[in-house]
Amino acid sequence: MSDTVNSLSDLQGLTTGADSAVSPPVASEAAPLRVQELDKQGRAYATGRRKDAVARVWVKPGTGKITVNGRDQEIYFARPTLRLVINQPFSVTDREGQYDVVCTVKGGGLSGQAGAVKHGIAQALSKYEPALRSAVKAEGFLTRDSRTVERKKYGRAKARRSFQFSKR
């Protein structure tokens, strides 16, 4: 073989030759990409955030009981839509009723707190069972929703609304 390359077909011949026998090492597929992260009590911990709300979430195997700030989820989140938001990570991964969740939430309103708990549950689930990470990530539950309330500007009534204009 010559050292000069005249066409693309010559390049193809070079790659299929003796150089292809030396291939880069392939990582073993049996080794997990992520490791299970548990505390001393066998729980997975994660922090969830949404708007101004911050949720500290602990997930452990159990019967599916969700406790928010020491109260049951039906009492703390009275609206069914908020409870549906919280249970989304479990329904996506087919793990309803398999994990107990204990969380404390601070800041924001109920909607932001529900989003923060959902974010925390999704992160804690992926730490407890790393195999579930791809399913939860595909739904977008691991990404923090960065939308927050825009600040009020001077010379304005609110963030963008101007004061009423008077012609006379």
C-alpha atoms as a PDB file:
ATOM      1  CA  MET A   1       0.000   0.000   0.000  1.00  0.00           C
ATOM      2  CA  SER A   2       1.249   3.466  -0.787  1.00  0.00           C
ATOM      3  CA  ASP A   3       1.408   6.343   1.678  1.00  0.00           C
ATOM      4  CA  THR A   4      -0.479   8.753  -0.576  1.00  0.00           C
ATOM      5  CA  VAL A   5      -4.257   8.945  -0.691  1.00  0.00           C
ATOM      6  CA  ASN A   6      -5.809   9.860  -4.027  1.00  0.00           C
ATOM      7  CA  SER A   7      -9.517   9.277  -3.415  1.00  0.00           C
ATOM      8  CA  LEU A   8     -12.067   8.421  -0.766  1.00  0.00           C
ATOM      9  CA  SER A   9     -11.934   4.761  -1.709  1.00  0.00           C
ATOM     10  CA  ASP A  10      -8.248   4.752  -0.731  1.00  0.00           C
ATOM     11  CA  LEU A  11      -9.249   6.071   2.714  1.00  0.00           C
ATOM     12  CA  GLN A  12     -11.773   3.273   3.100  1.00  0.00           C
ATOM     13  CA  GLY A  13      -9.114   0.748   2.225  1.00  0.00           C
ATOM     14  CA  LEU A  14      -6.816   2.210   4.904  1.00  0.00           C
ATOM     15  CA  THR A  15      -9.414   1.913   7.672  1.00  0.00           C
ATOM     16  CA  THR A  16     -10.358  -1.666   6.850  1.00  0.00           C
ATOM     17  CA  GLY A  17      -6.728  -2.775   6.710  1.00  0.00           C
ATOM     18  CA  ALA A  18      -4.350  -3.682   9.514  1.00  0.00           C
ATOM     19  CA  ASP A  19      -5.216  -0.547  11.520  1.00  0.00           C
ATOM     20  CA  SER A  20      -8.683  -1.882  12.325  1.00  0.00           C
ATOM     21  CA  ALA A  21      -7.202  -4.782  14.286  1.00  0.00           C
ATOM     22  CA  VAL A  22      -6.178  -2.294  16.982  1.00  0.00           C
ATOM     23  CA  SER A  23      -9.453  -1.007  18.368  1.00  0.00           C
ATOM     24  CA  PRO A  24     -10.020   1.160  21.428  1.00  0.00           C
ATOM     25  CA  PRO A  25     -11.009  -0.698  24.601  1.00  0.00           C
ATOM     26  CA  VAL A  26     -14.755  -1.070  25.028  1.00  0.00           C
ATOM     27  CA  ALA A  27     -16.239  -0.469  28.470  1.00  0.00           C
ATOM     28  CA  SER A  28     -17.865  -3.531  29.935  1.00  0.00           C
ATOM     29  CA  GLU A  29     -21.652  -3.337  29.670  1.00  0.00           C
ATOM     30  CA  ALA A  30     -22.215  -5.138  32.971  1.00  0.00           C
ATOM     31  CA  ALA A  31     -20.815  -2.252  35.039  1.00  0.00           C
ATOM     32  CA  PRO A  32     -23.522   0.274  35.986  1.00  0.00           C
ATOM     33  CA  LEU A  33     -23.005   3.857  34.912  1.00  0.00           C
ATOM     34  CA  ARG A  34     -24.319   5.176  38.233  1.00  0.00           C
ATOM     35  CA  VAL A  35     -24.140   3.812  41.757  1.00  0.00           C
ATOM     36  CA  GLN A  36     -27.010   3.596  44.221  1.00  0.00           C
ATOM     37  CA  GLU A  37     -26.739   6.419  46.778  1.00  0.00           C
ATOM     38  CA  LEU A  38     -28.277   5.589  50.184  1.00  0.00           C
ATOM     39  CA  ASP A  39     -27.879   6.969  53.710  1.00  0.00           C
ATOM     40  CA  LYS A  40     -27.464   4.934  56.909  1.00  0.00           C
ATOM     41  CA  GLN A  41     -31.218   4.334  57.192  1.00  0.00           C
ATOM     42  CA  GLY A  42     -31.415   2.933  53.641  1.00  0.00           C
ATOM     43  CA  ARG A  43     -33.087   6.031  52.180  1.00  0.00           C
ATOM     44  CA  ALA A  44     -32.282   8.037  49.078  1.00  0.00           C
ATOM     45  CA  TYR A  45     -32.152  11.828  49.566  1.00  0.00           C
ATOM     46  CA  ALA A  46     -32.645  14.567  46.997  1.00  0.00           C
ATOM     47  CA  THR A  47     -33.531  18.237  46.825  1.00  0.00           C
ATOM     48  CA  GLY A  48     -36.256  19.478  44.490  1.00  0.00           C
ATOM     49  CA  ARG A  49     -36.827  23.078  43.457  1.00  0.00           C
ATOM     50  CA  ARG A  50     -39.604  24.937  41.631  1.00  0.00           C
ATOM     51  CA  LYS A  51     -40.279  28.698  41.618  1.00  0.00           C
ATOM     52  CA  ASP A  52     -39.458  29.805  45.184  1.00  0.00           C
ATOM     53  CA  ALA A  53     -40.178  26.399  46.760  1.00  0.00           C
ATOM     54  CA  VAL A  54     -37.466  24.021  47.985  1.00  0.00           C
ATOM     55  CA  ALA A  55     -38.304  20.418  48.920  1.00  0.00           C
ATOM     56  CA  ARG A  56     -36.044  18.022  50.809  1.00  0.00           C
ATOM     57  CA  VAL A  57     -37.150  14.495  49.881  1.00  0.00           C
ATOM     58  CA  TRP A  58     -36.293  11.074  51.361  1.00  0.00           C
ATOM     59  CA  VAL A  59     -37.435   7.925  49.530  1.00  0.00           C
ATOM     60  CA  LYS A  60     -37.399   4.395  50.988  1.00  0.00           C
ATOM     61  CA  PRO A  61     -39.197   1.138  50.144  1.00  0.00           C
ATOM     62  CA  GLY A  62     -42.662   0.937  51.673  1.00  0.00           C
ATOM     63  CA  THR A  63     -46.385   1.014  51.005  1.00  0.00           C
ATOM     64  CA  GLY A  64     -46.683   4.243  48.999  1.00  0.00           C
ATOM     65  CA  LYS A  65     -47.320   6.682  51.852  1.00  0.00           C
ATOM     66  CA  ILE A  66     -46.311  10.271  51.078  1.00  0.00           C
ATOM     67  CA  THR A  67     -45.806  12.630  54.033  1.00  0.00           C
ATOM     68  CA  VAL A  68     -45.322  16.364  53.435  1.00  0.00           C
ATOM     69  CA  ASN A  69     -44.236  18.543  56.381  1.00  0.00           C
ATOM     70  CA  GLY A  70     -45.493  15.910  58.837  1.00  0.00           C
ATOM     71  CA  ARG A  71     -48.946  15.694  57.215  1.00  0.00           C
ATOM     72  CA  ASP A  72     -50.428  13.228  54.741  1.00  0.00           C
ATOM     73  CA  GLN A  73     -50.392  14.332  51.084  1.00  0.00           C
ATOM     74  CA  GLU A  74     -54.223  14.339  50.916  1.00  0.00           C
ATOM     75  CA  ILE A  75     -54.325  16.913  53.718  1.00  0.00           C
ATOM     76  CA  TYR A  76     -51.379  19.080  52.654  1.00  0.00           C
ATOM     77  CA  PHE A  77     -52.190  19.085  48.921  1.00  0.00           C
ATOM     78  CA  ALA A  78     -55.994  19.178  48.942  1.00  0.00           C
ATOM     79  CA  ARG A  79     -56.345  19.680  45.171  1.00  0.00           C
ATOM     80  CA  PRO A  80     -56.298  16.403  43.219  1.00  0.00           C
ATOM     81  CA  THR A  81     -54.236  17.981  40.430  1.00  0.00           C
ATOM     82  CA  LEU A  82     -51.397  18.704  42.851  1.00  0.00           C
ATOM     83  CA  ARG A  83     -51.438  15.116  44.124  1.00  0.00           C
ATOM     84  CA  LEU A  84     -51.384  13.936  40.504  1.00  0.00           C
ATOM     85  CA  VAL A  85     -48.290  16.086  39.888  1.00  0.00           C
ATOM     86  CA  ILE A  86     -46.529  14.552  42.895  1.00  0.00           C
ATOM     87  CA  ASN A  87     -47.268  10.967  41.810  1.00  0.00           C
ATOM     88  CA  GLN A  88     -46.089  11.447  38.197  1.00  0.00           C
ATOM     89  CA  PRO A  89     -42.555  10.037  38.738  1.00  0.00           C
ATOM     90  CA  PHE A  90     -44.034   6.847  40.233  1.00  0.00           C
ATOM     91  CA  SER A  91     -46.554   6.370  37.413  1.00  0.00           C
ATOM     92  CA  VAL A  92     -43.889   6.852  34.726  1.00  0.00           C
ATOM     93  CA  THR A  93     -41.631   4.226  36.313  1.00  0.00           C
ATOM     94  CA  ASP A  94     -44.479   1.831  37.288  1.00  0.00           C
ATOM     95  CA  ARG A  95     -43.564   2.077  40.977  1.00  0.00           C
ATOM     96  CA  GLU A  96     -46.900   3.194  42.481  1.00  0.00           C
ATOM     97  CA  GLY A  97     -47.275   2.025  46.071  1.00  0.00           C
ATOM     98  CA  GLN A  98     -43.711   0.701  46.338  1.00  0.00           C
ATOM     99  CA  TYR A  99     -41.949   3.621  48.033  1.00  0.00           C
ATOM    100  CA  ASP A 100     -42.623   5.762  51.088  1.00  0.00           C
ATOM    101  CA  VAL A 101     -41.790   9.445  50.725  1.00  0.00           C
ATOM    102  CA  VAL A 102     -41.025  11.859  53.547  1.00  0.00           C
ATOM    103  CA  CYS A 103     -40.434  15.458  52.538  1.00  0.00           C
ATOM    104  CA  THR A 104     -40.219  18.936  53.971  1.00  0.00           C
ATOM    105  CA  VAL A 105     -41.131  21.906  51.788  1.00  0.00           C
ATOM    106  CA  LYS A 106     -40.420  25.588  52.323  1.00  0.00           C
ATOM    107  CA  GLY A 107     -41.213  28.704  50.311  1.00  0.00           C
ATOM    108  CA  GLY A 108     -43.517  29.460  47.430  1.00  0.00           C
ATOM    109  CA  GLY A 109     -47.154  28.506  47.010  1.00  0.00           C
ATOM    110  CA  LEU A 110     -48.843  25.139  46.780  1.00  0.00           C
ATOM    111  CA  SER A 111     -48.286  24.739  43.038  1.00  0.00           C
ATOM    112  CA  GLY A 112     -44.575  25.508  43.314  1.00  0.00           C
ATOM    113  CA  GLN A 113     -44.271  23.211  46.319  1.00  0.00           C
ATOM    114  CA  ALA A 114     -45.918  20.348  44.420  1.00  0.00           C
ATOM    115  CA  GLY A 115     -43.483  20.872  41.542  1.00  0.00           C
ATOM    116  CA  ALA A 116     -40.565  20.921  43.967  1.00  0.00           C
ATOM    117  CA  VAL A 117     -41.714  17.662  45.584  1.00  0.00           C
ATOM    118  CA  LYS A 118     -42.075  16.070  42.120  1.00  0.00           C
ATOM    119  CA  HIS A 119     -38.562  17.176  41.196  1.00  0.00           C
ATOM    120  CA  GLY A 120     -37.183  15.814  44.480  1.00  0.00           C
ATOM    121  CA  ILE A 121     -38.999  12.480  44.167  1.00  0.00           C
ATOM    122  CA  ALA A 122     -37.706  12.002  40.619  1.00  0.00           C
ATOM    123  CA  GLN A 123     -34.128  12.713  41.702  1.00  0.00           C
ATOM    124  CA  ALA A 124     -34.363  10.475  44.774  1.00  0.00           C
ATOM    125  CA  LEU A 125     -35.884   7.639  42.712  1.00  0.00           C
ATOM    126  CA  SER A 126     -33.010   7.820  40.249  1.00  0.00           C
ATOM    127  CA  LYS A 127     -30.563   7.683  43.165  1.00  0.00           C
ATOM    128  CA  TYR A 128     -32.332   4.683  44.727  1.00  0.00           C
ATOM    129  CA  GLU A 129     -32.724   2.803  41.431  1.00  0.00           C
ATOM    130  CA  PRO A 130     -30.171   4.118  38.885  1.00  0.00           C
ATOM    131  CA  ALA A 131     -31.805   1.990  36.160  1.00  0.00           C
ATOM    132  CA  LEU A 132     -34.901   4.241  36.323  1.00  0.00           C
ATOM    133  CA  ARG A 133     -32.921   7.374  35.531  1.00  0.00           C
ATOM    134  CA  SER A 134     -33.395   7.182  31.754  1.00  0.00           C
ATOM    135  CA  ALA A 135     -37.185   6.796  32.039  1.00  0.00           C
ATOM    136  CA  VAL A 136     -37.484   9.702  34.479  1.00  0.00           C
ATOM    137  CA  LYS A 137     -35.096  11.879  32.490  1.00  0.00           C
ATOM    138  CA  ALA A 138     -36.989  11.230  29.242  1.00  0.00           C
ATOM    139  CA  GLU A 139     -40.116  12.731  30.842  1.00  0.00           C
ATOM    140  CA  GLY A 140     -38.119  15.802  31.898  1.00  0.00           C
ATOM    141  CA  PHE A 141     -38.595  15.314  35.651  1.00  0.00           C
ATOM    142  CA  LEU A 142     -34.890  15.626  36.508  1.00  0.00           C
ATOM    143  CA  THR A 143     -34.617  19.087  34.963  1.00  0.00           C
ATOM    144  CA  ARG A 144     -35.334  21.977  37.304  1.00  0.00           C
ATOM    145  CA  ASP A 145     -38.060  24.216  35.894  1.00  0.00           C
ATOM    146  CA  SER A 146     -36.184  27.517  35.988  1.00  0.00           C
ATOM    147  CA  ARG A 147     -39.206  29.759  35.339  1.00  0.00           C
ATOM    148  CA  THR A 148     -39.663  32.203  38.197  1.00  0.00           C
ATOM    149  CA  VAL A 149     -41.648  35.386  38.762  1.00  0.00           C
ATOM    150  CA  GLU A 150     -40.155  38.363  36.988  1.00  0.00           C
ATOM    151  CA  ARG A 151     -39.130  41.220  39.266  1.00  0.00           C
ATOM    152  CA  LYS A 152     -40.947  44.540  39.350  1.00  0.00           C
ATOM    153  CA  LYS A 153     -39.175  47.398  37.553  1.00  0.00           C
ATOM    154  CA  TYR A 154     -39.148  51.028  38.617  1.00  0.00           C
ATOM    155  CA  GLY A 155     -41.472  53.317  36.649  1.00  0.00           C
ATOM    156  CA  ARG A 156     -43.835  50.396  36.073  1.00  0.00           C
ATOM    157  CA  ALA A 157     -46.963  49.237  37.892  1.00  0.00           C
ATOM    158  CA  LYS A 158     -45.830  45.606  37.859  1.00  0.00           C
ATOM    159  CA  ALA A 159     -43.029  43.736  36.099  1.00  0.00           C
ATOM    160  CA  ARG A 160     -44.104  44.877  32.626  1.00  0.00           C
ATOM    161  CA  ARG A 161     -47.400  46.721  33.032  1.00  0.00           C
ATOM    162  CA  SER A 162     -47.146  50.480  32.681  1.00  0.00           C
ATOM    163  CA  PHE A 163     -49.121  52.989  34.680  1.00  0.00           C
ATOM    164  CA  GLN A 164     -52.298  54.208  32.980  1.00  0.00           C
ATOM    165  CA  PHE A 165     -51.514  56.788  30.349  1.00  0.00           C
ATOM    166  CA  SER A 166     -53.305  60.143  30.617  1.00  0.00           C
ATOM    167  CA  LYS A 167     -53.409  62.306  27.504  1.00  0.00           C
ATOM    168  CA  ARG A 168     -54.744  65.360  29.405  1.00  0.00           C
END
